[in-house]
Amino acid sequence: MSELRQDLVSGDWIIMAPERGKRPHDFLPKKKKRVVSPKATCPFEDLEASGNWPLRAQYPAKGPWQIAVIRNKYPALKREDWCAMEMRNGPYSYLEGIGHHDLVITKDHTKNLAELSISEAVNLFLMMQKMYRRFAKDGCSRYVSTFANWGPSAGASLYHPHYQILALPIVPPDVTHSLEGSKEYFAKRHRCVHCDMLLFEWEAGTRVIEGNEQAIGVAPFVSRQPFEVRVYPTQHVSRFEEASIKDIKGAVEVLQGVLRRMKQNLNDPDFNFFIHTAPLEAKEQHGHYHWHIEIFPKISIPAGFELSTGVDVNVVLPEEGAAFLRGERKSSRAKDV
């Protein structure tokens, strides 16, 4: 039977529609060989020759780089020496498109995050942290959005693995929505909503995919899309840039494990993942929030109902999706609610 499930944080409703009669594997994309672009034409192989110089930051700090931060040549926001100013146009308000749009690049042309060593992957996230801290000092940025697009259907125009960081003069609406829901839950119960969810998920186990002492990867009870996964650090920290190296390592290990399971069990789909964190500003106001990573394999496309209502329809129960990602092909439809 279909269900309408309400997200504990945002209050949004999702329709779970497993009654369509198909099993999880029926919704998988067809397995296809990835086309690796030639190194000779890749702009990330020789950053100086391709005009991506000087570097914004690099690891290691001296010598040949293994991780490099460069400015995006085609930025959504441009860097200026002043902060974005609010403008008016009749009844409309808008801001100048000022901010930062950087790319973080790993050296190997073919290894995405799942294929990096754990030390390489941790250093990548520590570089992201470094950029968050830098943006926090510029006096203009209010929120930093970090994300990865892997594969053409996920929006990646280049094969060479890279990660995007945008420092924005606004707090995005989806983040604001999540912040407000988290704050309301804390006001009523004096506890973090994400911590409560994690405790329940650990004990239930049904939707857990990967886990260690520092982090857990779960299929959310209210999953917007098939095989959606979220990675939460078990230590309550509001801001990604304030997470300890230990917590970063634990979260990266779980993230890599989830991505490897997706490659193995979901026919190597294209995917997006991104970091949700509290804003850079007003730190004392967002202690209730809990930073995390969200992963969306490109399995389904929103259609007319979703676009017209804002209510997503998910045809794969998260309980079945989690079991499928764990390699349990004959999953049960029983659920712990």
Protein backbone atom coordinates (compact mmCIF):
# COMPACT_ATOMS: atom_id res chain seq x y z
CA MET A 1 0.00 0.00 0.00
CA SER A 2 1.17 3.53 -0.72
CA GLU A 3 2.12 5.75 2.21
CA LEU A 4 2.55 9.46 2.76
CA ARG A 5 5.55 9.98 5.02
CA GLN A 6 6.35 13.33 6.64
CA ASP A 7 9.93 14.46 7.02
CA LEU A 8 10.78 14.98 10.69
CA VAL A 9 12.93 18.03 9.99
CA SER A 10 11.31 19.90 7.11
CA GLY A 11 7.71 18.75 7.54
CA ASP A 12 7.58 17.95 3.81
CA TRP A 13 5.42 15.08 2.64
CA ILE A 14 6.67 12.28 0.37
CA ILE A 15 4.55 9.61 -1.33
CA MET A 16 6.02 6.12 -1.08
CA ALA A 17 4.53 4.07 -3.90
CA PRO A 18 6.04 0.57 -3.87
CA GLU A 19 2.70 -0.94 -4.93
CA ARG A 20 3.60 -0.32 -8.55
CA GLY A 21 4.71 -3.93 -8.49
CA LYS A 22 8.38 -3.66 -9.35
CA ARG A 23 11.37 -4.66 -7.27
CA PRO A 24 14.35 -2.33 -6.65
CA HIS A 25 16.48 -3.79 -9.45
CA ASP A 26 13.75 -2.99 -11.99
CA PHE A 27 14.43 0.71 -11.54
CA LEU A 28 18.18 0.60 -12.10
CA PRO A 29 19.79 2.33 -15.08
CA LYS A 30 21.25 0.06 -17.73
CA LYS A 31 24.86 -0.73 -17.05
CA LYS A 32 27.13 1.02 -19.51
CA LYS A 33 30.84 1.56 -19.84
CA ARG A 34 31.99 5.00 -18.85
CA VAL A 35 33.75 6.96 -21.56
CA VAL A 36 37.01 8.32 -20.19
CA SER A 37 38.02 11.57 -21.87
CA PRO A 38 41.65 11.71 -23.09
CA LYS A 39 44.17 13.26 -20.75
CA ALA A 40 45.65 15.26 -23.63
CA THR A 41 42.55 17.46 -23.83
CA CYS A 42 41.76 17.60 -20.10
CA PRO A 43 42.17 21.13 -18.68
CA PHE A 44 42.94 19.71 -15.24
CA GLU A 45 46.05 17.75 -16.25
CA ASP A 46 48.29 20.81 -16.66
CA LEU A 47 46.64 23.64 -14.75
CA GLU A 48 49.23 26.22 -15.69
CA ALA A 49 49.07 25.46 -19.41
CA SER A 50 45.25 25.55 -19.38
CA GLY A 51 45.19 28.96 -17.71
CA ASN A 52 44.02 27.70 -14.32
CA TRP A 53 46.85 29.43 -12.48
CA PRO A 54 47.75 30.57 -9.90
CA LEU A 55 46.20 28.10 -7.53
CA ARG A 56 43.87 29.25 -4.76
CA ALA A 57 45.27 26.51 -2.49
CA GLN A 58 47.00 23.16 -2.82
CA TYR A 59 48.00 20.01 -0.97
CA PRO A 60 50.76 19.49 -0.16
CA ALA A 61 51.52 23.15 0.43
CA LYS A 62 54.79 22.96 -1.51
CA GLY A 63 55.93 20.96 -4.50
CA PRO A 64 53.73 19.05 -6.99
CA TRP A 65 50.07 19.23 -6.04
CA GLN A 66 47.85 16.25 -5.26
CA ILE A 67 44.81 18.40 -4.50
CA ALA A 68 44.36 21.83 -6.08
CA VAL A 69 41.79 24.61 -5.68
CA ILE A 70 41.22 26.83 -8.71
CA ARG A 71 38.67 29.45 -9.68
CA ASN A 72 35.89 28.21 -11.92
CA LYS A 73 36.39 29.68 -15.40
CA TYR A 74 32.62 29.86 -15.84
CA PRO A 75 31.45 30.88 -12.37
CA ALA A 76 27.86 31.21 -11.22
CA LEU A 77 29.09 34.02 -8.94
CA LYS A 78 32.03 36.33 -9.52
CA ARG A 79 34.56 37.51 -6.98
CA GLU A 80 34.75 41.26 -6.43
CA ASP A 81 36.36 43.52 -3.84
CA TRP A 82 32.99 44.42 -2.34
CA CYS A 83 30.03 42.52 -0.90
CA ALA A 84 26.86 41.86 -2.90
CA MET A 85 24.45 44.78 -2.63
CA GLU A 86 20.67 44.48 -2.59
CA MET A 87 18.93 46.18 -5.50
CA ARG A 88 15.33 46.98 -6.41
CA ASN A 89 13.52 46.72 -9.72
CA GLY A 90 9.93 47.82 -9.23
CA PRO A 91 8.35 45.30 -6.83
CA TYR A 92 11.33 42.93 -7.16
CA SER A 93 14.50 42.72 -5.09
CA TYR A 94 17.76 41.13 -6.13
CA LEU A 95 21.42 40.93 -5.20
CA GLU A 96 24.51 41.41 -7.28
CA GLY A 97 25.92 38.03 -8.33
CA ILE A 98 29.01 38.34 -6.18
CA GLY A 99 30.61 35.47 -4.29
CA HIS A 100 33.08 32.67 -4.90
CA HIS A 101 32.89 29.68 -7.22
CA ASP A 102 35.91 27.39 -6.92
CA LEU A 103 36.80 23.88 -8.04
CA VAL A 104 38.69 21.36 -5.94
CA ILE A 105 40.57 18.90 -8.15
CA THR A 106 42.26 15.63 -7.31
CA LYS A 107 45.32 14.63 -9.32
CA ASP A 108 44.31 11.26 -10.75
CA HIS A 109 42.35 11.58 -14.00
CA THR A 110 40.19 8.49 -13.43
CA LYS A 111 39.72 8.03 -9.67
CA ASN A 112 36.52 9.46 -8.28
CA LEU A 113 35.97 9.72 -4.52
CA ALA A 114 35.10 6.05 -4.06
CA GLU A 115 38.39 5.00 -5.65
CA LEU A 116 40.70 7.28 -3.66
CA SER A 117 42.66 5.92 -0.73
CA ILE A 118 41.25 6.90 2.64
CA SER A 119 44.15 9.31 3.22
CA GLU A 120 43.58 10.95 -0.17
CA ALA A 121 39.85 11.28 0.49
CA VAL A 122 40.37 12.72 3.98
CA ASN A 123 42.87 15.27 2.64
CA LEU A 124 40.31 16.26 0.01
CA PHE A 125 37.70 17.02 2.69
CA LEU A 126 40.26 18.81 4.85
CA MET A 127 40.98 21.06 1.86
CA MET A 128 37.25 21.76 1.60
CA GLN A 129 37.26 22.65 5.31
CA LYS A 130 40.14 25.04 4.69
CA MET A 131 38.13 26.86 2.04
CA TYR A 132 35.08 27.11 4.34
CA ARG A 133 37.23 28.77 6.98
CA ARG A 134 38.68 31.15 4.43
CA PHE A 135 35.24 32.18 3.19
CA ALA A 136 34.05 32.68 6.77
CA LYS A 137 36.61 35.48 7.13
CA ASP A 138 35.70 37.46 4.00
CA GLY A 139 32.81 39.33 5.66
CA CYS A 140 30.50 38.79 2.66
CA SER A 141 29.71 35.06 2.47
CA ARG A 142 26.72 33.73 4.40
CA TYR A 143 26.65 30.10 3.27
CA VAL A 144 29.01 27.68 1.53
CA SER A 145 27.65 24.99 -0.78
CA THR A 146 29.94 22.06 -1.64
CA PHE A 147 28.86 19.36 -4.05
CA ALA A 148 30.02 16.77 -6.57
CA ASN A 149 28.50 15.87 -9.92
CA TRP A 150 29.65 12.49 -11.23
CA GLY A 151 28.59 11.55 -14.73
CA PRO A 152 26.78 13.40 -17.54
CA SER A 153 23.25 12.87 -16.22
CA ALA A 154 24.36 14.35 -12.88
CA GLY A 155 25.60 17.53 -14.55
CA ALA A 156 29.32 16.76 -14.93
CA SER A 157 30.71 18.30 -18.12
CA LEU A 158 34.25 16.98 -17.53
CA TYR A 159 35.32 13.43 -16.68
CA HIS A 160 38.27 14.34 -14.46
CA PRO A 161 36.97 14.15 -10.86
CA HIS A 162 36.38 17.56 -9.33
CA TYR A 163 34.25 19.12 -6.61
CA GLN A 164 32.59 22.52 -6.58
CA ILE A 165 32.47 25.08 -3.77
CA LEU A 166 30.25 28.16 -3.92
CA ALA A 167 30.31 30.85 -1.26
CA LEU A 168 26.95 32.62 -1.39
CA PRO A 169 25.68 35.99 -0.11
CA ILE A 170 22.42 34.26 0.88
CA VAL A 171 21.33 31.21 2.86
CA PRO A 172 19.62 28.91 0.29
CA PRO A 173 15.90 28.22 0.82
CA ASP A 174 16.32 24.45 1.22
CA VAL A 175 18.90 25.03 3.95
CA THR A 176 16.69 27.65 5.61
CA HIS A 177 13.81 25.18 5.59
CA SER A 178 15.98 22.55 7.26
CA LEU A 179 17.33 25.01 9.82
CA GLU A 180 13.85 26.12 10.82
CA GLY A 181 12.61 22.54 11.21
CA SER A 182 15.64 21.59 13.29
CA LYS A 183 15.19 24.67 15.49
CA GLU A 184 11.49 23.96 16.05
CA TYR A 185 12.21 20.35 17.08
CA PHE A 186 14.92 21.51 19.49
CA ALA A 187 12.60 24.13 21.02
CA LYS A 188 9.99 21.45 21.76
CA ARG A 189 12.23 18.59 22.91
CA HIS A 190 15.59 20.20 23.79
CA ARG A 191 17.35 17.62 21.63
CA CYS A 192 18.84 17.53 18.15
CA VAL A 193 16.39 16.06 15.66
CA HIS A 194 19.18 14.41 13.68
CA CYS A 195 20.72 12.86 16.79
CA ASP A 196 17.32 11.39 17.69
CA MET A 197 16.95 9.96 14.19
CA LEU A 198 20.43 8.45 14.29
CA LEU A 199 19.79 6.78 17.63
CA PHE A 200 16.58 5.26 16.31
CA GLU A 201 18.21 4.13 13.06
CA TRP A 202 21.15 2.49 14.84
CA GLU A 203 18.79 0.52 17.07
CA ALA A 204 16.38 -0.44 14.28
CA GLY A 205 19.10 -1.26 11.74
CA THR A 206 16.63 -1.64 8.86
CA ARG A 207 17.80 1.39 6.92
CA VAL A 208 21.48 1.39 7.95
CA ILE A 209 23.89 0.79 5.05
CA GLU A 210 27.34 1.62 6.44
CA GLY A 211 28.57 2.69 9.84
CA ASN A 212 31.50 3.14 12.21
CA GLU A 213 32.03 4.86 15.55
CA GLN A 214 32.19 8.30 13.97
CA ALA A 215 29.49 8.14 11.27
CA ILE A 216 26.48 6.33 9.91
CA GLY A 217 25.07 6.00 6.39
CA VAL A 218 21.29 5.52 6.23
CA ALA A 219 18.47 5.50 3.75
CA PRO A 220 16.20 8.21 5.19
CA PHE A 221 12.76 7.08 6.40
CA VAL A 222 11.42 9.86 4.18
CA SER A 223 13.54 9.32 1.06
CA ARG A 224 12.71 11.69 -1.77
CA GLN A 225 14.27 9.49 -4.44
CA PRO A 226 15.14 5.80 -4.86
CA PHE A 227 18.33 4.77 -3.05
CA GLU A 228 18.89 8.19 -1.46
CA VAL A 229 21.46 7.98 1.33
CA ARG A 230 22.57 10.40 4.04
CA VAL A 231 25.84 10.23 5.95
CA TYR A 232 25.76 11.72 9.45
CA PRO A 233 28.66 12.12 11.89
CA THR A 234 27.60 10.60 15.19
CA GLN A 235 29.22 13.52 17.06
CA HIS A 236 26.88 16.50 17.15
CA VAL A 237 28.57 19.38 15.30
CA SER A 238 26.63 22.10 13.54
CA ARG A 239 29.25 23.21 11.03
CA PHE A 240 31.30 21.13 8.67
CA GLU A 241 34.28 23.46 9.05
CA GLU A 242 34.33 22.76 12.82
CA ALA A 243 34.33 18.96 12.53
CA SER A 244 37.40 17.18 13.90
CA ILE A 245 39.78 15.22 11.70
CA LYS A 246 38.55 12.06 13.43
CA ASP A 247 34.93 12.82 12.54
CA ILE A 248 35.87 13.77 8.99
CA LYS A 249 37.72 10.47 8.55
CA GLY A 250 34.74 8.49 9.87
CA ALA A 251 32.27 10.29 7.60
CA VAL A 252 34.54 9.91 4.56
CA GLU A 253 34.96 6.19 5.19
CA VAL A 254 31.18 5.75 5.28
CA LEU A 255 30.69 7.96 2.22
CA GLN A 256 33.23 5.97 0.23
CA GLY A 257 31.60 2.71 1.33
CA VAL A 258 28.17 3.90 0.22
CA LEU A 259 29.49 5.05 -3.18
CA ARG A 260 31.20 1.68 -3.72
CA ARG A 261 27.98 -0.12 -2.89
CA MET A 262 26.11 2.08 -5.37
CA LYS A 263 28.63 1.27 -8.07
CA GLN A 264 28.40 -2.46 -7.37
CA ASN A 265 24.68 -2.83 -6.74
CA LEU A 266 23.13 -0.02 -8.81
CA ASN A 267 25.03 -0.56 -12.07
CA ASP A 268 27.48 2.27 -11.47
CA PRO A 269 24.99 5.16 -11.68
CA ASP A 270 25.80 8.82 -12.10
CA PHE A 271 25.27 10.63 -8.81
CA ASN A 272 25.33 13.89 -6.90
CA PHE A 273 26.39 14.38 -3.33
CA PHE A 274 26.54 17.55 -1.28
CA ILE A 275 27.26 18.82 2.21
CA HIS A 276 24.52 20.39 4.31
CA THR A 277 25.85 22.55 7.13
CA ALA A 278 24.88 25.52 9.23
CA PRO A 279 25.48 29.03 7.81
CA LEU A 280 28.75 30.86 8.36
CA GLU A 281 27.01 33.68 10.21
CA ALA A 282 25.35 33.85 13.64
CA LYS A 283 27.03 30.75 15.01
CA GLU A 284 25.26 30.99 18.35
CA GLN A 285 21.87 30.66 16.62
CA HIS A 286 22.46 27.33 14.89
CA GLY A 287 23.75 25.02 17.60
CA HIS A 288 20.70 22.81 17.08
CA TYR A 289 21.78 21.87 13.55
CA HIS A 290 23.79 18.76 12.58
CA TRP A 291 25.98 18.81 9.45
CA HIS A 292 25.74 15.86 7.08
CA ILE A 293 26.21 14.62 3.51
CA GLU A 294 23.37 13.69 1.14
CA ILE A 295 23.82 11.36 -1.84
CA PHE A 296 21.44 10.99 -4.78
CA PRO A 297 22.10 8.40 -7.50
CA LYS A 298 20.49 9.39 -10.79
CA ILE A 299 17.74 6.79 -10.87
CA SER A 300 14.54 8.78 -11.40
CA ILE A 301 13.49 12.09 -12.95
CA PRO A 302 10.86 14.37 -11.35
CA ALA A 303 7.74 14.60 -13.52
CA GLY A 304 4.56 16.65 -13.66
CA PHE A 305 3.14 15.73 -10.26
CA GLU A 306 6.39 16.40 -8.41
CA LEU A 307 6.99 19.68 -10.22
CA SER A 308 3.42 20.89 -9.77
CA THR A 309 3.07 20.01 -6.07
CA GLY A 310 6.56 19.85 -4.59
CA VAL A 311 5.66 16.37 -3.32
CA ASP A 312 8.10 13.71 -4.48
CA VAL A 313 6.97 10.19 -5.35
CA ASN A 314 9.43 7.44 -4.46
CA VAL A 315 8.76 3.98 -5.89
CA VAL A 316 11.43 2.21 -3.81
CA LEU A 317 10.87 1.93 -0.06
CA PRO A 318 14.01 3.07 1.80
CA GLU A 319 13.91 -0.19 3.77
CA GLU A 320 14.17 -2.13 0.50
CA GLY A 321 16.67 0.30 -0.96
CA ALA A 322 18.96 -0.06 2.07
CA ALA A 323 18.78 -3.85 1.91
CA PHE A 324 19.54 -3.74 -1.80
CA LEU A 325 22.58 -1.53 -1.25
CA ARG A 326 23.78 -3.91 1.47
CA GLY A 327 23.68 -6.66 -1.16
CA GLU A 328 20.54 -8.36 0.16
CA ARG A 329 18.74 -8.90 -3.14
CA LYS A 330 15.73 -10.62 -1.60
CA SER A 331 14.71 -7.80 0.71
CA SER A 332 11.60 -7.84 2.81
CA ARG A 333 8.90 -5.19 2.59
CA ALA A 334 8.40 -5.27 6.34
CA LYS A 335 9.16 -1.97 7.97
CA ASP A 336 9.81 -0.79 11.50
CA VAL A 337 7.40 2.11 11.97
